[in-house]
PDB file of N, CA and C in Angstrom:
ATOM      1  N   MET A   1       2.368  30.834 -10.149  1.00  0.00           N
ATOM      2  CA  MET A   1       0.983  31.199 -10.378  1.00  0.00           C
ATOM      3  C   MET A   1       0.161  29.977 -10.781  1.00  0.00           C
ATOM      4  N   GLN A   2       0.685  29.187 -11.685  1.00  0.00           N
ATOM      5  CA  GLN A   2      -0.040  28.013 -12.159  1.00  0.00           C
ATOM      6  C   GLN A   2      -0.253  27.003 -11.038  1.00  0.00           C
ATOM      7  N   GLU A   3       0.737  26.826 -10.163  1.00  0.00           N
ATOM      8  CA  GLU A   3       0.599  25.853  -9.092  1.00  0.00           C
ATOM      9  C   GLU A   3      -0.498  26.260  -8.113  1.00  0.00           C
ATOM     10  N   THR A   4      -0.637  27.543  -7.866  1.00  0.00           N
ATOM     11  CA  THR A   4      -1.685  28.025  -6.968  1.00  0.00           C
ATOM     12  C   THR A   4      -3.060  27.729  -7.545  1.00  0.00           C
ATOM     13  N   ARG A   5      -3.206  27.950  -8.824  1.00  0.00           N
ATOM     14  CA  ARG A   5      -4.481  27.686  -9.479  1.00  0.00           C
ATOM     15  C   ARG A   5      -4.793  26.198  -9.460  1.00  0.00           C
ATOM     16  N   GLN A   6      -3.797  25.372  -9.736  1.00  0.00           N
ATOM     17  CA  GLN A   6      -3.999  23.921  -9.683  1.00  0.00           C
ATOM     18  C   GLN A   6      -4.416  23.485  -8.289  1.00  0.00           C
ATOM     19  N   ALA A   7      -3.798  24.043  -7.264  1.00  0.00           N
ATOM     20  CA  ALA A   7      -4.134  23.662  -5.889  1.00  0.00           C
ATOM     21  C   ALA A   7      -5.561  24.068  -5.544  1.00  0.00           C
ATOM     22  N   ARG A   8      -5.977  25.248  -5.966  1.00  0.00           N
ATOM     23  CA  ARG A   8      -7.341  25.693  -5.683  1.00  0.00           C
ATOM     24  C   ARG A   8      -8.361  24.810  -6.384  1.00  0.00           C
ATOM     25  N   ILE A   9      -8.085  24.479  -7.628  1.00  0.00           N
ATOM     26  CA  ILE A   9      -9.011  23.627  -8.373  1.00  0.00           C
ATOM     27  C   ILE A   9      -9.020  22.215  -7.800  1.00  0.00           C
ATOM     28  N   SER A  10      -7.874  21.725  -7.360  1.00  0.00           N
ATOM     29  CA  SER A  10      -7.810  20.401  -6.724  1.00  0.00           C
ATOM     30  C   SER A  10      -8.668  20.357  -5.473  1.00  0.00           C
ATOM     31  N   ARG A  11      -8.580  21.383  -4.651  1.00  0.00           N
ATOM     32  CA  ARG A  11      -9.396  21.428  -3.432  1.00  0.00           C
ATOM     33  C   ARG A  11     -10.882  21.492  -3.754  1.00  0.00           C
ATOM     34  N   LEU A  12     -11.237  22.287  -4.760  1.00  0.00           N
ATOM     35  CA  LEU A  12     -12.638  22.388  -5.175  1.00  0.00           C
ATOM     36  C   LEU A  12     -13.155  21.041  -5.655  1.00  0.00           C
ATOM     37  N   LEU A  13     -12.394  20.380  -6.511  1.00  0.00           N
ATOM     38  CA  LEU A  13     -12.825  19.085  -7.042  1.00  0.00           C
ATOM     39  C   LEU A  13     -12.888  18.025  -5.956  1.00  0.00           C
ATOM     40  N   GLN A  14     -11.942  18.060  -5.005  1.00  0.00           N
ATOM     41  CA  GLN A  14     -11.959  17.093  -3.914  1.00  0.00           C
ATOM     42  C   GLN A  14     -13.217  17.262  -3.069  1.00  0.00           C
ATOM     43  N   LYS A  15     -13.570  18.495  -2.759  1.00  0.00           N
ATOM     44  CA  LYS A  15     -14.761  18.758  -1.953  1.00  0.00           C
ATOM     45  C   LYS A  15     -16.021  18.304  -2.673  1.00  0.00           C
ATOM     46  N   GLU A  16     -16.132  18.627  -3.947  1.00  0.00           N
ATOM     47  CA  GLU A  16     -17.329  18.271  -4.699  1.00  0.00           C
ATOM     48  C   GLU A  16     -17.431  16.766  -4.929  1.00  0.00           C
ATOM     49  N   LEU A  17     -16.308  16.105  -5.245  1.00  0.00           N
ATOM     50  CA  LEU A  17     -16.338  14.651  -5.411  1.00  0.00           C
ATOM     51  C   LEU A  17     -16.713  13.957  -4.108  1.00  0.00           C
ATOM     52  N   ALA A  18     -16.221  14.468  -2.991  1.00  0.00           N
ATOM     53  CA  ALA A  18     -16.568  13.874  -1.691  1.00  0.00           C
ATOM     54  C   ALA A  18     -18.067  13.978  -1.438  1.00  0.00           C
ATOM     55  N   GLN A  19     -18.666  15.098  -1.796  1.00  0.00           N
ATOM     56  CA  GLN A  19     -20.110  15.246  -1.615  1.00  0.00           C
ATOM     57  C   GLN A  19     -20.887  14.315  -2.546  1.00  0.00           C
ATOM     58  N   ILE A  20     -20.395  14.132  -3.760  1.00  0.00           N
ATOM     59  CA  ILE A  20     -21.054  13.220  -4.702  1.00  0.00           C
ATOM     60  C   ILE A  20     -21.012  11.788  -4.160  1.00  0.00           C
ATOM     61  N   PHE A  21     -19.831  11.348  -3.702  1.00  0.00           N
ATOM     62  CA  PHE A  21     -19.713   9.980  -3.196  1.00  0.00           C
ATOM     63  C   PHE A  21     -20.486   9.796  -1.894  1.00  0.00           C
ATOM     64  N   GLU A  22     -20.559  10.831  -1.083  1.00  0.00           N
ATOM     65  CA  GLU A  22     -21.351  10.736   0.152  1.00  0.00           C
ATOM     66  C   GLU A  22     -22.817  10.499  -0.173  1.00  0.00           C
ATOM     67  N   GLY A  23     -23.318  11.218  -1.165  1.00  0.00           N
ATOM     68  CA  GLY A  23     -24.710  11.038  -1.569  1.00  0.00           C
ATOM     69  C   GLY A  23     -24.971   9.671  -2.177  1.00  0.00           C
ATOM     70  N   GLN A  24     -24.017   9.162  -2.952  1.00  0.00           N
ATOM     71  CA  GLN A  24     -24.211   7.865  -3.589  1.00  0.00           C
ATOM     72  C   GLN A  24     -24.080   6.709  -2.611  1.00  0.00           C
ATOM     73  N   THR A  25     -23.188   6.826  -1.632  1.00  0.00           N
ATOM     74  CA  THR A  25     -22.990   5.717  -0.695  1.00  0.00           C
ATOM     75  C   THR A  25     -23.962   5.758   0.469  1.00  0.00           C
ATOM     76  N   ARG A  26     -24.782   6.775   0.533  1.00  0.00           N
ATOM     77  CA  ARG A  26     -25.774   6.842   1.601  1.00  0.00           C
ATOM     78  C   ARG A  26     -26.765   5.689   1.498  1.00  0.00           C
ATOM     79  N   GLN A  27     -27.068   5.245   0.262  1.00  0.00           N
ATOM     80  CA  GLN A  27     -27.998   4.130   0.074  1.00  0.00           C
ATOM     81  C   GLN A  27     -27.358   2.793   0.419  1.00  0.00           C
ATOM     82  N   MET A  28     -26.027   2.723   0.335  1.00  0.00           N
ATOM     83  CA  MET A  28     -25.316   1.477   0.617  1.00  0.00           C
ATOM     84  C   MET A  28     -24.849   1.492   2.074  1.00  0.00           C
ATOM     85  N   HIS A  29     -25.502   0.727   2.908  1.00  0.00           N
ATOM     86  CA  HIS A  29     -25.163   0.719   4.326  1.00  0.00           C
ATOM     87  C   HIS A  29     -23.858  -0.038   4.560  1.00  0.00           C
ATOM     88  N   GLY A  30     -23.008   0.524   5.399  1.00  0.00           N
ATOM     89  CA  GLY A  30     -21.754  -0.130   5.750  1.00  0.00           C
ATOM     90  C   GLY A  30     -20.618   0.141   4.789  1.00  0.00           C
ATOM     91  N   VAL A  31     -20.792   1.077   3.857  1.00  0.00           N
ATOM     92  CA  VAL A  31     -19.740   1.415   2.894  1.00  0.00           C
ATOM     93  C   VAL A  31     -19.429   2.893   3.020  1.00  0.00           C
ATOM     94  N   LEU A  32     -18.142   3.206   3.061  1.00  0.00           N
ATOM     95  CA  LEU A  32     -17.703   4.593   3.155  1.00  0.00           C
ATOM     96  C   LEU A  32     -16.638   4.844   2.101  1.00  0.00           C
ATOM     97  N   VAL A  33     -16.861   5.844   1.271  1.00  0.00           N
ATOM     98  CA  VAL A  33     -15.893   6.236   0.246  1.00  0.00           C
ATOM     99  C   VAL A  33     -15.485   7.667   0.536  1.00  0.00           C
ATOM    100  N   SER A  34     -14.188   7.877   0.741  1.00  0.00           N
ATOM    101  CA  SER A  34     -13.692   9.232   0.960  1.00  0.00           C
ATOM    102  C   SER A  34     -12.609   9.550  -0.057  1.00  0.00           C
ATOM    103  N   VAL A  35     -12.567  10.792  -0.464  1.00  0.00           N
ATOM    104  CA  VAL A  35     -11.587  11.264  -1.449  1.00  0.00           C
ATOM    105  C   VAL A  35     -10.400  11.802  -0.660  1.00  0.00           C
ATOM    106  N   THR A  36      -9.276  11.081  -0.709  1.00  0.00           N
ATOM    107  CA  THR A  36      -8.129  11.465   0.111  1.00  0.00           C
ATOM    108  C   THR A  36      -7.240  12.488  -0.563  1.00  0.00           C
ATOM    109  N   ARG A  37      -7.121  12.413  -1.888  1.00  0.00           N
ATOM    110  CA  ARG A  37      -6.218  13.331  -2.583  1.00  0.00           C
ATOM    111  C   ARG A  37      -6.689  13.493  -4.024  1.00  0.00           C
ATOM    112  N   VAL A  38      -6.543  14.701  -4.540  1.00  0.00           N
ATOM    113  CA  VAL A  38      -6.902  14.984  -5.929  1.00  0.00           C
ATOM    114  C   VAL A  38      -5.739  15.726  -6.565  1.00  0.00           C
ATOM    115  N   ARG A  39      -5.322  15.261  -7.714  1.00  0.00           N
ATOM    116  CA  ARG A  39      -4.264  15.920  -8.491  1.00  0.00           C
ATOM    117  C   ARG A  39      -4.865  16.340  -9.836  1.00  0.00           C
ATOM    118  N   VAL A  40      -4.499  17.543 -10.254  1.00  0.00           N
ATOM    119  CA  VAL A  40      -4.983  18.071 -11.525  1.00  0.00           C
ATOM    120  C   VAL A  40      -3.775  18.314 -12.416  1.00  0.00           C
ATOM    121  N   SER A  41      -3.876  17.930 -13.685  1.00  0.00           N
ATOM    122  CA  SER A  41      -2.774  18.141 -14.627  1.00  0.00           C
ATOM    123  C   SER A  41      -2.577  19.647 -14.854  1.00  0.00           C
ATOM    124  N   PRO A  42      -1.393  20.054 -15.292  1.00  0.00           N
ATOM    125  CA  PRO A  42      -1.129  21.486 -15.496  1.00  0.00           C
ATOM    126  C   PRO A  42      -2.077  22.176 -16.473  1.00  0.00           C
ATOM    127  N   ASP A  43      -2.582  21.435 -17.464  1.00  0.00           N
ATOM    128  CA  ASP A  43      -3.530  22.049 -18.396  1.00  0.00           C
ATOM    129  C   ASP A  43      -4.983  21.888 -17.944  1.00  0.00           C
ATOM    130  N   LEU A  44      -5.193  21.343 -16.744  1.00  0.00           N
ATOM    131  CA  LEU A  44      -6.503  21.184 -16.102  1.00  0.00           C
ATOM    132  C   LEU A  44      -7.447  20.270 -16.885  1.00  0.00           C
ATOM    133  N   SER A  45      -6.904  19.370 -17.685  1.00  0.00           N
ATOM    134  CA  SER A  45      -7.751  18.486 -18.480  1.00  0.00           C
ATOM    135  C   SER A  45      -7.948  17.114 -17.845  1.00  0.00           C
ATOM    136  N   ILE A  46      -7.075  16.744 -16.897  1.00  0.00           N
ATOM    137  CA  ILE A  46      -7.168  15.424 -16.260  1.00  0.00           C
ATOM    138  C   ILE A  46      -7.151  15.598 -14.748  1.00  0.00           C
ATOM    139  N   CYS A  47      -8.098  14.968 -14.105  1.00  0.00           N
ATOM    140  CA  CYS A  47      -8.191  14.985 -12.642  1.00  0.00           C
ATOM    141  C   CYS A  47      -7.992  13.553 -12.149  1.00  0.00           C
ATOM    142  N   THR A  48      -6.976  13.357 -11.326  1.00  0.00           N
ATOM    143  CA  THR A  48      -6.701  12.048 -10.747  1.00  0.00           C
ATOM    144  C   THR A  48      -7.122  12.079  -9.288  1.00  0.00           C
ATOM    145  N   ALA A  49      -8.092  11.250  -8.930  1.00  0.00           N
ATOM    146  CA  ALA A  49      -8.619  11.224  -7.568  1.00  0.00           C
ATOM    147  C   ALA A  49      -8.260   9.902  -6.910  1.00  0.00           C
ATOM    148  N   TYR A  50      -7.769   9.987  -5.682  1.00  0.00           N
ATOM    149  CA  TYR A  50      -7.424   8.809  -4.899  1.00  0.00           C
ATOM    150  C   TYR A  50      -8.512   8.598  -3.856  1.00  0.00           C
ATOM    151  N   LEU A  51      -9.080   7.396  -3.840  1.00  0.00           N
ATOM    152  CA  LEU A  51     -10.215   7.084  -2.986  1.00  0.00           C
ATOM    153  C   LEU A  51      -9.821   6.100  -1.901  1.00  0.00           C
ATOM    154  N   SER A  52     -10.294   6.364  -0.696  1.00  0.00           N
ATOM    155  CA  SER A  52     -10.147   5.428   0.400  1.00  0.00           C
ATOM    156  C   SER A  52     -11.518   4.796   0.624  1.00  0.00           C
ATOM    157  N   ILE A  53     -11.575   3.488   0.504  1.00  0.00           N
ATOM    158  CA  ILE A  53     -12.857   2.776   0.574  1.00  0.00           C
ATOM    159  C   ILE A  53     -12.856   1.867   1.782  1.00  0.00           C
ATOM    160  N   PHE A  54     -13.916   1.980   2.594  1.00  0.00           N
ATOM    161  CA  PHE A  54     -14.081   1.134   3.769  1.00  0.00           C
ATOM    162  C   PHE A  54     -15.374   0.365   3.602  1.00  0.00           C
ATOM    163  N   PRO A  55     -15.415  -0.918   3.776  1.00  0.00           N
ATOM    164  CA  PRO A  55     -14.346  -1.844   4.118  1.00  0.00           C
ATOM    165  C   PRO A  55     -13.473  -2.136   2.904  1.00  0.00           C
ATOM    166  N   SER A  56     -12.220  -2.406   3.159  1.00  0.00           N
ATOM    167  CA  SER A  56     -11.253  -2.566   2.068  1.00  0.00           C
ATOM    168  C   SER A  56     -11.487  -3.841   1.258  1.00  0.00           C
ATOM    169  N   GLU A  57     -12.286  -4.775   1.775  1.00  0.00           N
ATOM    170  CA  GLU A  57     -12.580  -5.985   1.011  1.00  0.00           C
ATOM    171  C   GLU A  57     -13.418  -5.661  -0.226  1.00  0.00           C
ATOM    172  N   LYS A  58     -14.222  -4.610  -0.152  1.00  0.00           N
ATOM    173  CA  LYS A  58     -15.086  -4.234  -1.267  1.00  0.00           C
ATOM    174  C   LYS A  58     -14.445  -3.188  -2.163  1.00  0.00           C
ATOM    175  N   ALA A  59     -13.186  -2.851  -1.924  1.00  0.00           N
ATOM    176  CA  ALA A  59     -12.541  -1.741  -2.619  1.00  0.00           C
ATOM    177  C   ALA A  59     -12.461  -1.973  -4.122  1.00  0.00           C
ATOM    178  N   GLU A  60     -12.007  -3.143  -4.540  1.00  0.00           N
ATOM    179  CA  GLU A  60     -11.848  -3.411  -5.969  1.00  0.00           C
ATOM    180  C   GLU A  60     -13.191  -3.382  -6.695  1.00  0.00           C
ATOM    181  N   GLU A  61     -14.202  -3.995  -6.077  1.00  0.00           N
ATOM    182  CA  GLU A  61     -15.527  -4.040  -6.684  1.00  0.00           C
ATOM    183  C   GLU A  61     -16.113  -2.629  -6.820  1.00  0.00           C
ATOM    184  N   LEU A  62     -15.979  -1.826  -5.774  1.00  0.00           N
ATOM    185  CA  LEU A  62     -16.501  -0.466  -5.816  1.00  0.00           C
ATOM    186  C   LEU A  62     -15.722   0.403  -6.798  1.00  0.00           C
ATOM    187  N   LEU A  63     -14.416   0.218  -6.874  1.00  0.00           N
ATOM    188  CA  LEU A  63     -13.619   1.000  -7.816  1.00  0.00           C
ATOM    189  C   LEU A  63     -14.022   0.691  -9.255  1.00  0.00           C
ATOM    190  N   LYS A  64     -14.274  -0.573  -9.561  1.00  0.00           N
ATOM    191  CA  LYS A  64     -14.725  -0.933 -10.906  1.00  0.00           C
ATOM    192  C   LYS A  64     -16.081  -0.300 -11.209  1.00  0.00           C
ATOM    193  N   ASN A  65     -16.961  -0.279 -10.215  1.00  0.00           N
ATOM    194  CA  ASN A  65     -18.271   0.333 -10.380  1.00  0.00           C
ATOM    195  C   ASN A  65     -18.133   1.844 -10.610  1.00  0.00           C
ATOM    196  N   ILE A  66     -17.249   2.482  -9.849  1.00  0.00           N
ATOM    197  CA  ILE A  66     -17.034   3.926 -10.000  1.00  0.00           C
ATOM    198  C   ILE A  66     -16.434   4.233 -11.370  1.00  0.00           C
ATOM    199  N   GLN A  67     -15.465   3.420 -11.799  1.00  0.00           N
ATOM    200  CA  GLN A  67     -14.844   3.651 -13.101  1.00  0.00           C
ATOM    201  C   GLN A  67     -15.829   3.409 -14.240  1.00  0.00           C
ATOM    202  N   ALA A  68     -16.768   2.488 -14.056  1.00  0.00           N
ATOM    203  CA  ALA A  68     -17.780   2.248 -15.079  1.00  0.00           C
ATOM    204  C   ALA A  68     -18.756   3.415 -15.184  1.00  0.00           C
ATOM    205  N   ASN A  69     -18.963   4.112 -14.077  1.00  0.00           N
ATOM    206  CA  ASN A  69     -19.906   5.226 -14.043  1.00  0.00           C
ATOM    207  C   ASN A  69     -19.213   6.585 -14.031  1.00  0.00           C
ATOM    208  N   ASP A  70     -17.983   6.661 -14.530  1.00  0.00           N
ATOM    209  CA  ASP A  70     -17.244   7.922 -14.451  1.00  0.00           C
ATOM    210  C   ASP A  70     -17.875   9.025 -15.303  1.00  0.00           C
ATOM    211  N   LYS A  71     -18.580   8.680 -16.366  1.00  0.00           N
ATOM    212  CA  LYS A  71     -19.247   9.703 -17.188  1.00  0.00           C
ATOM    213  C   LYS A  71     -20.376  10.376 -16.405  1.00  0.00           C
ATOM    214  N   ALA A  72     -21.149   9.581 -15.661  1.00  0.00           N
ATOM    215  CA  ALA A  72     -22.235  10.150 -14.862  1.00  0.00           C
ATOM    216  C   ALA A  72     -21.676  10.995 -13.720  1.00  0.00           C
ATOM    217  N   ILE A  73     -20.579  10.546 -13.124  1.00  0.00           N
ATOM    218  CA  ILE A  73     -19.950  11.314 -12.049  1.00  0.00           C
ATOM    219  C   ILE A  73     -19.403  12.628 -12.598  1.00  0.00           C
ATOM    220  N   ARG A  74     -18.798  12.580 -13.786  1.00  0.00           N
ATOM    221  CA  ARG A  74     -18.272  13.797 -14.406  1.00  0.00           C
ATOM    222  C   ARG A  74     -19.405  14.769 -14.738  1.00  0.00           C
ATOM    223  N   PHE A  75     -20.532  14.247 -15.204  1.00  0.00           N
ATOM    224  CA  PHE A  75     -21.684  15.094 -15.511  1.00  0.00           C
ATOM    225  C   PHE A  75     -22.197  15.777 -14.245  1.00  0.00           C
ATOM    226  N   ASP A  76     -22.324  15.007 -13.165  1.00  0.00           N
ATOM    227  CA  ASP A  76     -22.779  15.562 -11.891  1.00  0.00           C
ATOM    228  C   ASP A  76     -21.791  16.605 -11.374  1.00  0.00           C
ATOM    229  N   LEU A  77     -20.506  16.312 -11.501  1.00  0.00           N
ATOM    230  CA  LEU A  77     -19.473  17.262 -11.100  1.00  0.00           C
ATOM    231  C   LEU A  77     -19.560  18.536 -11.939  1.00  0.00           C
ATOM    232  N   GLY A  78     -19.822  18.377 -13.227  1.00  0.00           N
ATOM    233  CA  GLY A  78     -19.959  19.529 -14.112  1.00  0.00           C
ATOM    234  C   GLY A  78     -21.120  20.433 -13.730  1.00  0.00           C
ATOM    235  N   ARG A  79     -22.215  19.837 -13.312  1.00  0.00           N
ATOM    236  CA  ARG A  79     -23.351  20.656 -12.860  1.00  0.00           C
ATOM    237  C   ARG A  79     -23.016  21.426 -11.602  1.00  0.00           C
ATOM    238  N   ARG A  80     -22.197  20.829 -10.729  1.00  0.00           N
ATOM    239  CA  ARG A  80     -21.860  21.484  -9.459  1.00  0.00           C
ATOM    240  C   ARG A  80     -20.849  22.615  -9.620  1.00  0.00           C
ATOM    241  N   VAL A  81     -19.903  22.473 -10.547  1.00  0.00           N
ATOM    242  CA  VAL A  81     -18.825  23.465 -10.671  1.00  0.00           C
ATOM    243  C   VAL A  81     -18.898  24.243 -11.985  1.00  0.00           C
ATOM    244  N   ARG A  82     -20.042  24.279 -12.613  1.00  0.00           N
ATOM    245  CA  ARG A  82     -20.139  24.931 -13.922  1.00  0.00           C
ATOM    246  C   ARG A  82     -19.863  26.427 -13.863  1.00  0.00           C
ATOM    247  N   ASN A  83     -20.061  27.055 -12.715  1.00  0.00           N
ATOM    248  CA  ASN A  83     -19.785  28.488 -12.601  1.00  0.00           C
ATOM    249  C   ASN A  83     -18.326  28.772 -12.267  1.00  0.00           C
ATOM    250  N   GLN A  84     -17.579  27.776 -11.783  1.00  0.00           N
ATOM    251  CA  GLN A  84     -16.175  27.979 -11.430  1.00  0.00           C
ATOM    252  C   GLN A  84     -15.215  27.538 -12.525  1.00  0.00           C
ATOM    253  N   LEU A  85     -15.564  26.496 -13.271  1.00  0.00           N
ATOM    254  CA  LEU A  85     -14.663  25.945 -14.287  1.00  0.00           C
ATOM    255  C   LEU A  85     -15.316  25.988 -15.662  1.00  0.00           C
ATOM    256  N   ARG A  86     -14.516  26.287 -16.653  1.00  0.00           N
ATOM    257  CA  ARG A  86     -15.021  26.304 -18.013  1.00  0.00           C
ATOM    258  C   ARG A  86     -15.058  24.885 -18.584  1.00  0.00           C
ATOM    259  N   ILE A  87     -13.978  24.133 -18.373  1.00  0.00           N
ATOM    260  CA  ILE A  87     -13.877  22.765 -18.880  1.00  0.00           C
ATOM    261  C   ILE A  87     -13.796  21.817 -17.691  1.00  0.00           C
ATOM    262  N   ILE A  88     -14.642  20.816 -17.692  1.00  0.00           N
ATOM    263  CA  ILE A  88     -14.638  19.822 -16.617  1.00  0.00           C
ATOM    264  C   ILE A  88     -13.597  18.770 -16.979  1.00  0.00           C
ATOM    265  N   PRO A  89     -12.634  18.514 -16.083  1.00  0.00           N
ATOM    266  CA  PRO A  89     -11.557  17.582 -16.430  1.00  0.00           C
ATOM    267  C   PRO A  89     -12.038  16.132 -16.517  1.00  0.00           C
ATOM    268  N   GLU A  90     -11.290  15.350 -17.274  1.00  0.00           N
ATOM    269  CA  GLU A  90     -11.520  13.908 -17.356  1.00  0.00           C
ATOM    270  C   GLU A  90     -11.149  13.305 -16.007  1.00  0.00           C
ATOM    271  N   LEU A  91     -11.964  12.393 -15.507  1.00  0.00           N
ATOM    272  CA  LEU A  91     -11.758  11.826 -14.171  1.00  0.00           C
ATOM    273  C   LEU A  91     -11.067  10.469 -14.256  1.00  0.00           C
ATOM    274  N   ARG A  92     -10.084  10.292 -13.389  1.00  0.00           N
ATOM    275  CA  ARG A  92      -9.414   9.002 -13.221  1.00  0.00           C
ATOM    276  C   ARG A  92      -9.408   8.686 -11.733  1.00  0.00           C
ATOM    277  N   PHE A  93      -9.787   7.458 -11.403  1.00  0.00           N
ATOM    278  CA  PHE A  93      -9.896   7.061 -10.005  1.00  0.00           C
ATOM    279  C   PHE A  93      -8.920   5.939  -9.686  1.00  0.00           C
ATOM    280  N   PHE A  94      -8.295   6.040  -8.503  1.00  0.00           N
ATOM    281  CA  PHE A  94      -7.380   5.020  -8.014  1.00  0.00           C
ATOM    282  C   PHE A  94      -7.653   4.799  -6.526  1.00  0.00           C
ATOM    283  N   ILE A  95      -7.304   3.611  -6.049  1.00  0.00           N
ATOM    284  CA  ILE A  95      -7.469   3.299  -4.625  1.00  0.00           C
ATOM    285  C   ILE A  95      -6.266   3.828  -3.860  1.00  0.00           C
ATOM    286  N   ASP A  96      -6.538   4.528  -2.775  1.00  0.00           N
ATOM    287  CA  ASP A  96      -5.489   5.004  -1.882  1.00  0.00           C
ATOM    288  C   ASP A  96      -5.401   3.996  -0.734  1.00  0.00           C
ATOM    289  N   ASP A  97      -4.381   3.161  -0.760  1.00  0.00           N
ATOM    290  CA  ASP A  97      -4.244   2.113   0.244  1.00  0.00           C
ATOM    291  C   ASP A  97      -3.243   2.485   1.330  1.00  0.00           C
ATOM    292  N   SER A  98      -3.031   3.754   1.557  1.00  0.00           N
ATOM    293  CA  SER A  98      -2.048   4.181   2.553  1.00  0.00           C
ATOM    294  C   SER A  98      -2.481   3.790   3.966  1.00  0.00           C
ATOM    295  N   LEU A  99      -3.786   3.796   4.261  1.00  0.00           N
ATOM    296  CA  LEU A  99      -4.244   3.400   5.600  1.00  0.00           C
ATOM    297  C   LEU A  99      -3.983   1.918   5.859  1.00  0.00           C
ATOM    298  N   ASP A 100      -4.200   1.086   4.847  1.00  0.00           N
ATOM    299  CA  ASP A 100      -3.899  -0.340   4.989  1.00  0.00           C
ATOM    300  C   ASP A 100      -2.403  -0.557   5.187  1.00  0.00           C
ATOM    301  N   TYR A 101      -1.605   0.232   4.482  1.00  0.00           N
ATOM    302  CA  TYR A 101      -0.151   0.150   4.610  1.00  0.00           C
ATOM    303  C   TYR A 101       0.297   0.552   6.020  1.00  0.00           C
ATOM    304  N   ILE A 102      -0.319   1.580   6.572  1.00  0.00           N
ATOM    305  CA  ILE A 102       0.008   2.023   7.934  1.00  0.00           C
ATOM    306  C   ILE A 102      -0.371   0.951   8.951  1.00  0.00           C
ATOM    307  N   ASP A 103      -1.545   0.348   8.780  1.00  0.00           N
ATOM    308  CA  ASP A 103      -1.969  -0.726   9.685  1.00  0.00           C
ATOM    309  C   ASP A 103      -1.014  -1.911   9.624  1.00  0.00           C
ATOM    310  N   ARG A 104      -0.563  -2.240   8.438  1.00  0.00           N
ATOM    311  CA  ARG A 104       0.381  -3.355   8.271  1.00  0.00           C
ATOM    312  C   ARG A 104       1.697  -3.063   8.984  1.00  0.00           C
ATOM    313  N   ILE A 105       2.196  -1.847   8.864  1.00  0.00           N
ATOM    314  CA  ILE A 105       3.438  -1.466   9.543  1.00  0.00           C
ATOM    315  C   ILE A 105       3.256  -1.506  11.055  1.00  0.00           C
ATOM    316  N   ASP A 106       2.116  -1.037  11.548  1.00  0.00           N
ATOM    317  CA  ASP A 106       1.846  -1.085  12.992  1.00  0.00           C
ATOM    318  C   ASP A 106       1.829  -2.522  13.501  1.00  0.00           C
ATOM    319  N   GLU A 107       1.217  -3.428  12.736  1.00  0.00           N
ATOM    320  CA  GLU A 107       1.189  -4.831  13.138  1.00  0.00           C
ATOM    321  C   GLU A 107       2.597  -5.415  13.188  1.00  0.00           C
ATOM    322  N   LEU A 108       3.412  -5.079  12.221  1.00  0.00           N
ATOM    323  CA  LEU A 108       4.784  -5.590  12.198  1.00  0.00           C
ATOM    324  C   LEU A 108       5.613  -5.027  13.349  1.00  0.00           C
ATOM    325  N   LEU A 109       5.379  -3.787  13.693  1.00  0.00           N
ATOM    326  CA  LEU A 109       6.134  -3.177  14.794  1.00  0.00           C
ATOM    327  C   LEU A 109       5.715  -3.744  16.160  1.00  0.00           C
ATOM    328  N   LYS A 110       4.467  -4.160  16.279  1.00  0.00           N
ATOM    329  CA  LYS A 110       4.002  -4.714  17.538  1.00  0.00           C
ATOM    330  C   LYS A 110       4.558  -6.113  17.802  1.00  0.00           C
ATOM    331  N   LYS A 111       4.995  -6.800  16.750  1.00  0.00           N
ATOM    332  CA  LYS A 111       5.516  -8.158  16.904  1.00  0.00           C
ATOM    333  C   LYS A 111       6.884  -8.178  17.523  1.00  0.00           C
TER     334      LYS A 111
END
């Protein structure tokens, strides 16, 4: 039962975070931030979001900017999901570099 609830909340948070980042990156031309995976702790107090950032050269800089503004992102998320969740989880962001890893493996296999 608990796992089903965690999965539903993870999907909700992933969708809402993706919309928040889409709105924020619309002003920045040539930058794309997508939320690839969201994990929620069993007590629903911590949300870990994995972000895929294009171009990957700006990934570290953008991640630092996102982590610096995590309170504003959490507030915006809280306004969006206030009718579904009682407590808005603490947000943690990490870079999902799986696409870069796949590209690296493809390059090695082509050699």
